[in-house]
Amino acid sequence: MFKSPDLADPDSRPDADVVIFDGQCNFCRGGVERLNWLDRRNRLAFISLHDERVAERYPDLSHDDLMQEMFVVDGEGNRHGGSDAVRYLSRQLALLWPIMPVLHLPGSAGLWRWMYKQVAKRRYRLAGKNCDSGSCKIHLNS
């Protein structure tokens, strides 16, 4: 199971927003490492969807849902998935504020959701898959 020493774990930051991502996806790993770098005020914690704690803490989020898109669970327990998670993070992280106006153009949410889904379903083809145990299944259906 992917656990970067540089990424804050939800247990070490109980008040942080939790980013749930595919820890077996190289594209996703790179994305959360960039988010971690952008998180200058330590507002985020990260956990792989493959971590058993995810099913315990967020039973409303199915494995299939989590395989389709990243989720951010905010401090109030709200779930933000896919491009809505990216839009949410653009309001939380000051270094993402420059892209916020583009992400929040009136009427553009549907386009951002479609684009996110296209990248998400091809993420293993784009950057490959890394399974620490070596026993993971490859999801190349698109």
Protein backbone atom coordinates (compact mmCIF):
# COMPACT_ATOMS: atom_id res chain seq x y z
CA MET A 1 0.00 0.00 0.00
CA PHE A 2 1.36 3.42 -0.99
CA LYS A 3 2.33 5.62 1.91
CA SER A 4 4.70 8.46 1.17
CA PRO A 5 6.65 9.73 4.19
CA ASP A 6 6.11 13.26 2.90
CA LEU A 7 2.30 13.03 2.82
CA ALA A 8 0.41 13.78 6.02
CA ASP A 9 -1.74 10.88 7.20
CA PRO A 10 -5.30 11.61 8.41
CA ASP A 11 -4.36 10.21 11.84
CA SER A 12 -1.60 12.82 12.18
CA ARG A 13 -3.88 15.69 11.06
CA PRO A 14 -7.36 14.97 12.43
CA ASP A 15 -8.67 18.47 11.57
CA ALA A 16 -7.43 18.42 7.97
CA ASP A 17 -9.46 17.86 4.82
CA VAL A 18 -8.79 14.29 3.66
CA VAL A 19 -7.81 13.59 0.06
CA ILE A 20 -8.68 10.02 -0.95
CA PHE A 21 -6.76 8.98 -4.06
CA ASP A 22 -5.66 5.89 -5.97
CA GLY A 23 -2.32 5.04 -4.36
CA GLN A 24 -1.60 2.46 -7.08
CA CYS A 25 -1.82 5.08 -9.83
CA ASN A 26 1.41 6.87 -10.76
CA PHE A 27 -0.56 9.79 -12.23
CA CYS A 28 -2.55 10.12 -8.98
CA ARG A 29 0.54 9.83 -6.79
CA GLY A 30 2.17 12.65 -8.69
CA GLY A 31 -0.97 14.74 -8.34
CA VAL A 32 -1.19 14.37 -4.57
CA GLU A 33 2.52 15.05 -4.18
CA ARG A 34 1.97 18.34 -6.04
CA LEU A 35 -1.07 19.09 -3.85
CA ASN A 36 1.02 18.40 -0.77
CA TRP A 37 3.64 20.85 -2.02
CA LEU A 38 0.92 23.47 -2.68
CA ASP A 39 -0.53 22.95 0.81
CA ARG A 40 1.58 25.56 2.60
CA ARG A 41 -0.80 25.81 5.58
CA ASN A 42 -1.05 22.05 6.23
CA ARG A 43 -4.78 21.86 5.54
CA LEU A 44 -4.69 18.45 3.83
CA ALA A 45 -4.13 14.83 4.78
CA PHE A 46 -3.86 12.02 2.24
CA ILE A 47 -4.95 8.40 2.16
CA SER A 48 -4.97 5.80 -0.59
CA LEU A 49 -8.37 4.35 -1.45
CA HIS A 50 -6.70 0.95 -1.01
CA ASP A 51 -6.08 1.62 2.70
CA GLU A 52 -8.48 -0.43 4.84
CA ARG A 53 -9.28 2.66 6.94
CA VAL A 54 -11.12 4.22 3.99
CA ALA A 55 -13.89 1.61 4.03
CA GLU A 56 -14.16 1.95 7.83
CA ARG A 57 -14.26 5.76 7.91
CA TYR A 58 -16.18 6.47 4.70
CA PRO A 59 -18.59 3.55 4.17
CA ASP A 60 -20.79 5.72 1.93
CA LEU A 61 -18.00 5.89 -0.66
CA SER A 62 -17.89 2.59 -2.54
CA HIS A 63 -14.69 1.14 -3.95
CA ASP A 64 -16.13 1.67 -7.44
CA ASP A 65 -16.83 5.35 -6.69
CA LEU A 66 -13.29 5.81 -5.41
CA MET A 67 -11.79 4.06 -8.44
CA GLN A 68 -13.60 6.54 -10.71
CA GLU A 69 -12.51 9.76 -9.04
CA MET A 70 -10.52 11.32 -6.24
CA PHE A 71 -12.52 12.53 -3.25
CA VAL A 72 -11.90 15.24 -0.70
CA VAL A 73 -13.73 14.94 2.60
CA ASP A 74 -13.81 18.37 4.19
CA GLY A 75 -13.83 19.19 7.90
CA GLU A 76 -17.61 19.18 7.96
CA GLY A 77 -17.80 15.72 6.39
CA ASN A 78 -18.90 16.91 2.94
CA ARG A 79 -17.68 14.79 0.03
CA HIS A 80 -16.26 16.49 -3.06
CA GLY A 81 -15.51 14.14 -5.94
CA GLY A 82 -13.58 14.45 -9.20
CA SER A 83 -13.51 17.90 -10.75
CA ASP A 84 -15.67 19.19 -7.89
CA ALA A 85 -12.83 18.16 -5.57
CA VAL A 86 -10.36 20.08 -7.74
CA ARG A 87 -12.66 23.11 -7.69
CA TYR A 88 -12.99 22.81 -3.90
CA LEU A 89 -9.21 22.61 -3.49
CA SER A 90 -8.76 25.68 -5.70
CA ARG A 91 -10.66 27.64 -3.05
CA GLN A 92 -8.71 26.16 -0.13
CA LEU A 93 -5.09 26.37 -1.30
CA ALA A 94 -3.79 29.88 -1.90
CA LEU A 95 -1.32 28.74 -4.56
CA LEU A 96 -4.26 27.44 -6.62
CA TRP A 97 -6.19 30.71 -6.47
CA PRO A 98 -4.86 31.87 -9.88
CA ILE A 99 -6.70 29.00 -11.61
CA MET A 100 -9.89 29.41 -9.58
CA PRO A 101 -11.61 31.86 -11.96
CA VAL A 102 -11.24 29.47 -14.90
CA LEU A 103 -12.49 26.47 -12.90
CA HIS A 104 -15.50 28.44 -11.68
CA LEU A 105 -16.66 30.04 -14.92
CA PRO A 106 -20.45 30.02 -14.95
CA GLY A 107 -21.76 27.02 -16.87
CA SER A 108 -18.37 25.27 -17.05
CA ALA A 109 -18.85 22.64 -14.32
CA GLY A 110 -20.20 20.04 -16.78
CA LEU A 111 -17.19 20.47 -19.05
CA TRP A 112 -14.74 20.11 -16.13
CA ARG A 113 -16.54 16.96 -14.92
CA TRP A 114 -16.40 15.44 -18.40
CA MET A 115 -12.69 16.28 -18.81
CA TYR A 116 -11.85 14.89 -15.37
CA LYS A 117 -13.64 11.61 -16.15
CA GLN A 118 -11.79 11.25 -19.45
CA VAL A 119 -8.40 11.59 -17.76
CA ALA A 120 -9.40 9.47 -14.73
CA LYS A 121 -10.49 6.49 -16.79
CA ARG A 122 -7.20 6.58 -18.73
CA ARG A 123 -4.90 7.32 -15.80
CA TYR A 124 -3.10 3.95 -15.88
CA ARG A 125 -2.45 4.29 -19.59
CA LEU A 126 -1.11 7.82 -19.09
CA ALA A 127 1.34 7.09 -16.30
CA GLY A 128 1.17 3.42 -15.39
CA LYS A 129 0.33 1.56 -12.26
CA ASN A 130 2.48 0.82 -9.27
CA CYS A 131 1.41 -1.82 -6.81
CA ASP A 132 3.70 -2.11 -3.82
CA SER A 133 2.65 -5.70 -3.17
CA GLY A 134 2.95 -6.67 -6.85
CA SER A 135 -0.43 -8.38 -6.76
CA CYS A 136 -2.79 -5.69 -8.05
CA LYS A 137 -5.14 -6.04 -11.01
CA ILE A 138 -4.73 -3.74 -13.97
CA HIS A 139 -7.74 -1.57 -14.79
CA LEU A 140 -7.31 -0.64 -18.42
CA ASN A 141 -10.97 -0.60 -19.44
CA SER A 142 -12.04 2.70 -20.88
